[in-house]
Amino acid sequence: MYGALDISVSGMIAQRTRMEVISANIANQNTILDADGNLSPYKRRHVMFSPGNPGATSPAGRAMGVHVSEIYANPDAIQWKWDPSSPYANADGYVPTPDIDSVTEQINAMEAMRAYEANIAAAEATKAMMAQALRLIA
């Protein structure tokens, strides 16, 4: 059975993934080198949600809830900073850096946290309703 509790859980999983991506963006806001030491600025990631849960066992379950359909790395999220003394500067003295704004990421994190908390509240309400229904039956 796919019900309100499963819908809330799928929302919590999706928001947790979103928080992980936001944390990675903040942690890499000054990263300009890849793992091999080559100049390749970190690309800001975005989480894309889609309706439904493809992993659900029933057709009704696949139509409900939410899931992360894609984590998109924006290839154009680069800003150029003037630093002619950097060994990574181009001929004009500019260094490519990730275009990640800490304030925007923190606002996105607060929004994801509030959505996660709303899903927890919905799950708690669902549990309370189920418990009350069981008390009425017994």
N, C-alpha and C. Protein backbone atom coordinates (compact mmCIF):
# COMPACT_ATOMS: atom_id res chain seq x y z
N MET A 1 0.85 -1.19 0.00
CA MET A 1 0.00 0.00 0.00
C MET A 1 0.88 1.25 0.00
N TYR A 2 0.56 2.17 -0.88
CA TYR A 2 1.31 3.41 -0.97
C TYR A 2 0.41 4.52 -0.47
N GLY A 3 0.74 5.10 0.66
CA GLY A 3 -0.14 6.10 1.24
C GLY A 3 0.57 7.38 1.58
N ALA A 4 -0.09 8.16 2.43
CA ALA A 4 0.41 9.47 2.81
C ALA A 4 1.76 9.39 3.49
N LEU A 5 1.99 8.34 4.26
CA LEU A 5 3.28 8.20 4.94
C LEU A 5 4.40 8.01 3.92
N ASP A 6 4.14 7.21 2.89
CA ASP A 6 5.15 6.99 1.85
C ASP A 6 5.43 8.27 1.05
N ILE A 7 4.39 9.06 0.85
CA ILE A 7 4.56 10.33 0.13
C ILE A 7 5.47 11.26 0.94
N SER A 8 5.24 11.34 2.24
CA SER A 8 6.08 12.18 3.10
C SER A 8 7.52 11.70 3.11
N VAL A 9 7.70 10.39 3.16
CA VAL A 9 9.06 9.83 3.17
C VAL A 9 9.78 10.14 1.86
N SER A 10 9.08 10.05 0.74
CA SER A 10 9.73 10.36 -0.53
C SER A 10 10.14 11.83 -0.57
N GLY A 11 9.33 12.71 0.01
CA GLY A 11 9.69 14.13 0.09
C GLY A 11 10.90 14.36 0.97
N MET A 12 10.98 13.63 2.09
CA MET A 12 12.15 13.78 2.97
C MET A 12 13.42 13.31 2.27
N ILE A 13 13.34 12.21 1.55
CA ILE A 13 14.51 11.69 0.83
C ILE A 13 14.96 12.70 -0.23
N ALA A 14 14.01 13.27 -0.95
CA ALA A 14 14.34 14.24 -1.99
C ALA A 14 14.98 15.49 -1.39
N GLN A 15 14.45 15.98 -0.27
CA GLN A 15 15.01 17.19 0.35
C GLN A 15 16.38 16.91 0.97
N ARG A 16 16.58 15.69 1.48
CA ARG A 16 17.90 15.34 2.01
C ARG A 16 18.94 15.37 0.88
N THR A 17 18.58 14.85 -0.28
CA THR A 17 19.47 14.89 -1.43
C THR A 17 19.76 16.33 -1.83
N ARG A 18 18.73 17.16 -1.80
CA ARG A 18 18.92 18.57 -2.13
C ARG A 18 19.89 19.23 -1.15
N MET A 19 19.78 18.92 0.14
CA MET A 19 20.70 19.48 1.14
C MET A 19 22.13 19.02 0.89
N GLU A 20 22.31 17.77 0.49
CA GLU A 20 23.65 17.26 0.19
C GLU A 20 24.27 18.02 -0.98
N VAL A 21 23.48 18.31 -2.00
CA VAL A 21 23.98 19.03 -3.17
C VAL A 21 24.32 20.47 -2.78
N ILE A 22 23.47 21.10 -1.99
CA ILE A 22 23.74 22.47 -1.53
C ILE A 22 25.02 22.51 -0.71
N SER A 23 25.21 21.51 0.16
CA SER A 23 26.44 21.44 0.96
C SER A 23 27.67 21.30 0.08
N ALA A 24 27.56 20.48 -0.96
CA ALA A 24 28.68 20.32 -1.89
C ALA A 24 28.97 21.63 -2.61
N ASN A 25 27.93 22.37 -2.99
CA ASN A 25 28.14 23.67 -3.65
C ASN A 25 28.89 24.63 -2.75
N ILE A 26 28.46 24.70 -1.48
CA ILE A 26 29.12 25.61 -0.54
C ILE A 26 30.56 25.18 -0.29
N ALA A 27 30.78 23.87 -0.13
CA ALA A 27 32.12 23.37 0.15
C ALA A 27 33.08 23.60 -1.02
N ASN A 28 32.56 23.65 -2.23
CA ASN A 28 33.42 23.78 -3.41
C ASN A 28 33.36 25.14 -4.07
N GLN A 29 32.91 26.16 -3.35
CA GLN A 29 32.76 27.47 -3.97
C GLN A 29 34.09 28.12 -4.37
N ASN A 30 35.19 27.61 -3.86
CA ASN A 30 36.50 28.14 -4.24
C ASN A 30 37.36 27.12 -4.97
N THR A 31 36.78 26.02 -5.39
CA THR A 31 37.52 24.95 -6.04
C THR A 31 37.68 25.24 -7.53
N ILE A 32 38.93 25.36 -7.98
CA ILE A 32 39.16 25.62 -9.40
C ILE A 32 39.92 24.49 -10.08
N LEU A 33 40.39 23.50 -9.31
CA LEU A 33 41.14 22.39 -9.88
C LEU A 33 40.33 21.10 -9.74
N ASP A 34 40.45 20.21 -10.72
CA ASP A 34 39.79 18.91 -10.59
C ASP A 34 40.70 17.96 -9.81
N ALA A 35 40.30 16.70 -9.71
CA ALA A 35 41.05 15.73 -8.91
C ALA A 35 42.45 15.47 -9.45
N ASP A 36 42.66 15.71 -10.73
CA ASP A 36 43.97 15.49 -11.33
C ASP A 36 44.86 16.72 -11.30
N GLY A 37 44.36 17.82 -10.73
CA GLY A 37 45.15 19.04 -10.65
C GLY A 37 45.04 19.93 -11.87
N ASN A 38 44.11 19.63 -12.75
CA ASN A 38 43.89 20.45 -13.94
C ASN A 38 42.90 21.57 -13.64
N LEU A 39 43.05 22.67 -14.35
CA LEU A 39 42.15 23.80 -14.18
C LEU A 39 40.77 23.43 -14.72
N SER A 40 39.83 23.27 -13.81
CA SER A 40 38.46 22.92 -14.14
C SER A 40 37.58 23.35 -12.97
N PRO A 41 37.09 24.61 -12.99
CA PRO A 41 36.30 25.11 -11.86
C PRO A 41 35.08 24.24 -11.60
N TYR A 42 34.77 24.09 -10.32
CA TYR A 42 33.59 23.33 -9.90
C TYR A 42 32.36 23.96 -10.51
N LYS A 43 31.46 23.14 -11.01
CA LYS A 43 30.21 23.62 -11.60
C LYS A 43 29.09 23.49 -10.56
N ARG A 44 28.36 24.57 -10.36
CA ARG A 44 27.25 24.56 -9.40
C ARG A 44 26.22 23.53 -9.82
N ARG A 45 25.76 22.76 -8.84
CA ARG A 45 24.77 21.72 -9.10
C ARG A 45 23.38 22.18 -8.65
N HIS A 46 22.38 21.69 -9.39
CA HIS A 46 20.97 21.93 -9.08
C HIS A 46 20.27 20.58 -9.01
N VAL A 47 19.33 20.44 -8.09
CA VAL A 47 18.55 19.21 -7.98
C VAL A 47 17.23 19.42 -8.71
N MET A 48 16.90 18.49 -9.58
CA MET A 48 15.63 18.53 -10.31
C MET A 48 14.71 17.45 -9.74
N PHE A 49 13.52 17.87 -9.32
CA PHE A 49 12.52 16.93 -8.79
C PHE A 49 11.52 16.59 -9.89
N SER A 50 10.96 15.39 -9.79
CA SER A 50 9.88 14.96 -10.67
C SER A 50 8.82 14.28 -9.82
N PRO A 51 7.57 14.35 -10.27
CA PRO A 51 6.52 13.69 -9.50
C PRO A 51 6.61 12.18 -9.62
N GLY A 52 6.13 11.51 -8.61
CA GLY A 52 6.09 10.05 -8.62
C GLY A 52 7.31 9.43 -7.99
N ASN A 53 7.21 8.12 -7.83
CA ASN A 53 8.31 7.34 -7.25
C ASN A 53 8.53 6.13 -8.13
N PRO A 54 9.52 6.16 -9.03
CA PRO A 54 9.73 5.03 -9.93
C PRO A 54 10.10 3.73 -9.23
N GLY A 55 10.54 3.80 -8.00
CA GLY A 55 10.92 2.60 -7.26
C GLY A 55 9.77 1.94 -6.50
N ALA A 56 8.57 2.53 -6.58
CA ALA A 56 7.42 1.97 -5.86
C ALA A 56 6.99 0.65 -6.49
N THR A 57 6.41 -0.21 -5.67
CA THR A 57 6.02 -1.54 -6.14
C THR A 57 4.68 -1.56 -6.85
N SER A 58 3.81 -0.59 -6.57
CA SER A 58 2.48 -0.59 -7.19
C SER A 58 2.35 0.54 -8.20
N PRO A 59 1.47 0.40 -9.18
CA PRO A 59 1.24 1.49 -10.13
C PRO A 59 0.76 2.77 -9.45
N ALA A 60 -0.07 2.63 -8.42
CA ALA A 60 -0.54 3.82 -7.69
C ALA A 60 0.63 4.50 -6.98
N GLY A 61 1.56 3.72 -6.46
CA GLY A 61 2.73 4.27 -5.78
C GLY A 61 3.66 5.00 -6.72
N ARG A 62 3.76 4.53 -7.94
CA ARG A 62 4.63 5.20 -8.92
C ARG A 62 4.07 6.56 -9.31
N ALA A 63 2.79 6.78 -9.11
CA ALA A 63 2.17 8.05 -9.47
C ALA A 63 2.21 9.07 -8.33
N MET A 64 2.56 8.64 -7.12
CA MET A 64 2.53 9.53 -5.96
C MET A 64 3.94 9.83 -5.46
N GLY A 65 4.03 10.86 -4.65
CA GLY A 65 5.32 11.21 -4.06
C GLY A 65 6.17 12.05 -4.99
N VAL A 66 7.45 12.07 -4.71
CA VAL A 66 8.40 12.86 -5.48
C VAL A 66 9.73 12.13 -5.49
N HIS A 67 10.55 12.39 -6.51
CA HIS A 67 11.88 11.81 -6.55
C HIS A 67 12.84 12.77 -7.24
N VAL A 68 14.11 12.57 -7.01
CA VAL A 68 15.13 13.36 -7.67
C VAL A 68 15.34 12.75 -9.05
N SER A 69 14.99 13.51 -10.08
CA SER A 69 15.13 12.99 -11.44
C SER A 69 16.52 13.26 -12.00
N GLU A 70 17.17 14.32 -11.52
CA GLU A 70 18.48 14.67 -12.07
C GLU A 70 19.21 15.62 -11.12
N ILE A 71 20.51 15.48 -11.08
CA ILE A 71 21.36 16.49 -10.44
C ILE A 71 22.15 17.11 -11.57
N TYR A 72 21.78 18.34 -11.88
CA TYR A 72 22.29 19.03 -13.06
C TYR A 72 23.48 19.91 -12.68
N ALA A 73 24.60 19.72 -13.37
CA ALA A 73 25.78 20.58 -13.18
C ALA A 73 25.75 21.65 -14.27
N ASN A 74 25.60 22.89 -13.88
CA ASN A 74 25.49 24.00 -14.83
C ASN A 74 26.85 24.31 -15.44
N PRO A 75 27.06 24.04 -16.73
CA PRO A 75 28.37 24.28 -17.34
C PRO A 75 28.70 25.76 -17.49
N ASP A 76 27.69 26.63 -17.41
CA ASP A 76 27.91 28.07 -17.57
C ASP A 76 28.10 28.80 -16.25
N ALA A 77 28.15 28.07 -15.14
CA ALA A 77 28.26 28.70 -13.81
C ALA A 77 29.71 29.02 -13.48
N ILE A 78 30.31 29.87 -14.31
CA ILE A 78 31.71 30.28 -14.12
C ILE A 78 31.74 31.81 -14.08
N GLN A 79 32.51 32.33 -13.16
CA GLN A 79 32.76 33.78 -13.15
C GLN A 79 34.26 34.00 -13.25
N TRP A 80 34.63 35.11 -13.80
CA TRP A 80 36.05 35.41 -14.01
C TRP A 80 36.49 36.46 -13.00
N LYS A 81 37.54 36.13 -12.25
CA LYS A 81 38.09 37.06 -11.26
C LYS A 81 39.46 37.54 -11.72
N TRP A 82 39.70 38.80 -11.48
CA TRP A 82 40.97 39.43 -11.85
C TRP A 82 42.03 39.03 -10.83
N ASP A 83 43.01 38.28 -11.27
CA ASP A 83 44.12 37.87 -10.41
C ASP A 83 45.31 37.52 -11.31
N PRO A 84 45.99 38.53 -11.82
CA PRO A 84 47.09 38.26 -12.75
C PRO A 84 48.27 37.53 -12.12
N SER A 85 48.36 37.50 -10.78
CA SER A 85 49.47 36.82 -10.13
C SER A 85 49.23 35.31 -10.01
N SER A 86 48.00 34.84 -10.28
CA SER A 86 47.68 33.42 -10.17
C SER A 86 48.32 32.64 -11.32
N PRO A 87 48.85 31.46 -11.01
CA PRO A 87 49.40 30.64 -12.09
C PRO A 87 48.33 30.11 -13.04
N TYR A 88 47.06 30.25 -12.66
CA TYR A 88 45.96 29.76 -13.48
C TYR A 88 45.29 30.87 -14.28
N ALA A 89 45.83 32.09 -14.22
CA ALA A 89 45.25 33.21 -14.94
C ALA A 89 45.48 33.06 -16.43
N ASN A 90 44.50 33.55 -17.20
CA ASN A 90 44.66 33.52 -18.65
C ASN A 90 45.53 34.70 -19.08
N ALA A 91 45.65 34.92 -20.37
CA ALA A 91 46.52 35.97 -20.89
C ALA A 91 46.08 37.36 -20.44
N ASP A 92 44.79 37.53 -20.16
CA ASP A 92 44.27 38.83 -19.72
C ASP A 92 44.32 39.00 -18.20
N GLY A 93 44.78 37.98 -17.45
CA GLY A 93 44.90 38.06 -16.01
C GLY A 93 43.69 37.60 -15.23
N TYR A 94 42.74 36.93 -15.90
CA TYR A 94 41.53 36.47 -15.23
C TYR A 94 41.60 34.98 -14.96
N VAL A 95 41.05 34.59 -13.79
CA VAL A 95 41.02 33.19 -13.36
C VAL A 95 39.56 32.74 -13.33
N PRO A 96 39.23 31.60 -13.95
CA PRO A 96 37.86 31.11 -13.87
C PRO A 96 37.59 30.52 -12.48
N THR A 97 36.48 30.94 -11.88
CA THR A 97 36.10 30.44 -10.56
C THR A 97 34.63 30.02 -10.59
N PRO A 98 34.22 29.16 -9.67
CA PRO A 98 32.81 28.76 -9.62
C PRO A 98 31.90 29.95 -9.31
N ASP A 99 30.78 30.03 -9.98
CA ASP A 99 29.80 31.09 -9.74
C ASP A 99 28.80 30.60 -8.70
N ILE A 100 29.25 30.56 -7.45
CA ILE A 100 28.42 30.08 -6.35
C ILE A 100 28.34 31.19 -5.31
N ASP A 101 27.12 31.61 -5.01
CA ASP A 101 26.88 32.65 -4.03
C ASP A 101 26.49 32.00 -2.70
N SER A 102 27.25 32.24 -1.66
CA SER A 102 26.99 31.63 -0.34
C SER A 102 25.61 31.96 0.19
N VAL A 103 25.19 33.20 0.01
CA VAL A 103 23.90 33.62 0.55
C VAL A 103 22.76 32.88 -0.16
N THR A 104 22.84 32.78 -1.47
CA THR A 104 21.82 32.04 -2.23
C THR A 104 21.77 30.59 -1.80
N GLU A 105 22.93 29.99 -1.63
CA GLU A 105 22.98 28.59 -1.20
C GLU A 105 22.41 28.41 0.20
N GLN A 106 22.67 29.35 1.10
CA GLN A 106 22.13 29.27 2.45
C GLN A 106 20.61 29.43 2.45
N ILE A 107 20.10 30.30 1.60
CA ILE A 107 18.65 30.46 1.47
C ILE A 107 18.03 29.17 0.93
N ASN A 108 18.66 28.58 -0.08
CA ASN A 108 18.18 27.31 -0.62
C ASN A 108 18.22 26.21 0.45
N ALA A 109 19.25 26.23 1.28
CA ALA A 109 19.36 25.24 2.36
C ALA A 109 18.24 25.43 3.38
N MET A 110 17.93 26.68 3.72
CA MET A 110 16.84 26.93 4.66
C MET A 110 15.51 26.47 4.07
N GLU A 111 15.30 26.71 2.78
CA GLU A 111 14.07 26.27 2.13
C GLU A 111 13.97 24.74 2.13
N ALA A 112 15.07 24.07 1.83
CA ALA A 112 15.07 22.60 1.85
C ALA A 112 14.82 22.07 3.26
N MET A 113 15.39 22.72 4.25
CA MET A 113 15.20 22.30 5.63
C MET A 113 13.74 22.47 6.06
N ARG A 114 13.13 23.58 5.66
CA ARG A 114 11.72 23.81 5.99
C ARG A 114 10.83 22.78 5.29
N ALA A 115 11.13 22.46 4.05
CA ALA A 115 10.36 21.45 3.33
C ALA A 115 10.51 20.08 3.99
N TYR A 116 11.73 19.77 4.44
CA TYR A 116 11.97 18.51 5.15
C TYR A 116 11.14 18.47 6.44
N GLU A 117 11.16 19.59 7.19
CA GLU A 117 10.38 19.67 8.43
C GLU A 117 8.88 19.54 8.16
N ALA A 118 8.40 20.11 7.05
CA ALA A 118 6.98 19.99 6.70
C ALA A 118 6.63 18.54 6.41
N ASN A 119 7.52 17.82 5.75
CA ASN A 119 7.28 16.41 5.50
C ASN A 119 7.28 15.60 6.79
N ILE A 120 8.13 15.97 7.74
CA ILE A 120 8.12 15.30 9.05
C ILE A 120 6.79 15.55 9.75
N ALA A 121 6.31 16.79 9.71
CA ALA A 121 5.03 17.11 10.35
C ALA A 121 3.89 16.33 9.70
N ALA A 122 3.92 16.22 8.38
CA ALA A 122 2.88 15.46 7.68
C ALA A 122 2.95 13.98 8.05
N ALA A 123 4.16 13.44 8.17
CA ALA A 123 4.33 12.04 8.55
C ALA A 123 3.83 11.81 9.98
N GLU A 124 4.14 12.73 10.88
CA GLU A 124 3.67 12.61 12.27
C GLU A 124 2.14 12.67 12.33
N ALA A 125 1.53 13.57 11.55
CA ALA A 125 0.07 13.65 11.52
C ALA A 125 -0.54 12.37 10.97
N THR A 126 0.10 11.80 9.95
CA THR A 126 -0.38 10.55 9.37
C THR A 126 -0.30 9.43 10.40
N LYS A 127 0.81 9.35 11.11
CA LYS A 127 0.96 8.32 12.15
C LYS A 127 -0.10 8.48 13.23
N ALA A 128 -0.38 9.71 13.63
CA ALA A 128 -1.39 9.96 14.66
C ALA A 128 -2.77 9.53 14.17
N MET A 129 -3.08 9.82 12.90
CA MET A 129 -4.37 9.42 12.36
C MET A 129 -4.48 7.89 12.28
N MET A 130 -3.42 7.23 11.89
CA MET A 130 -3.43 5.76 11.83
C MET A 130 -3.61 5.16 13.22
N ALA A 131 -2.92 5.75 14.20
CA ALA A 131 -3.05 5.24 15.57
C ALA A 131 -4.47 5.44 16.08
N GLN A 132 -5.09 6.59 15.78
CA GLN A 132 -6.45 6.84 16.21
C GLN A 132 -7.42 5.89 15.52
N ALA A 133 -7.20 5.60 14.25
CA ALA A 133 -8.07 4.67 13.52
C ALA A 133 -7.96 3.28 14.12
N LEU A 134 -6.75 2.86 14.49
CA LEU A 134 -6.57 1.55 15.13
C LEU A 134 -7.26 1.48 16.48
N ARG A 135 -7.24 2.59 17.23
CA ARG A 135 -7.92 2.62 18.52
C ARG A 135 -9.43 2.49 18.35
N LEU A 136 -9.96 3.08 17.30
CA LEU A 136 -11.41 3.00 17.04
C LEU A 136 -11.81 1.59 16.64
N ILE A 137 -10.93 0.90 15.91
CA ILE A 137 -11.23 -0.46 15.46
C ILE A 137 -11.18 -1.43 16.63
N ALA A 138 -10.20 -1.27 17.49
CA ALA A 138 -9.99 -2.22 18.59
C ALA A 138 -10.93 -2.05 19.72
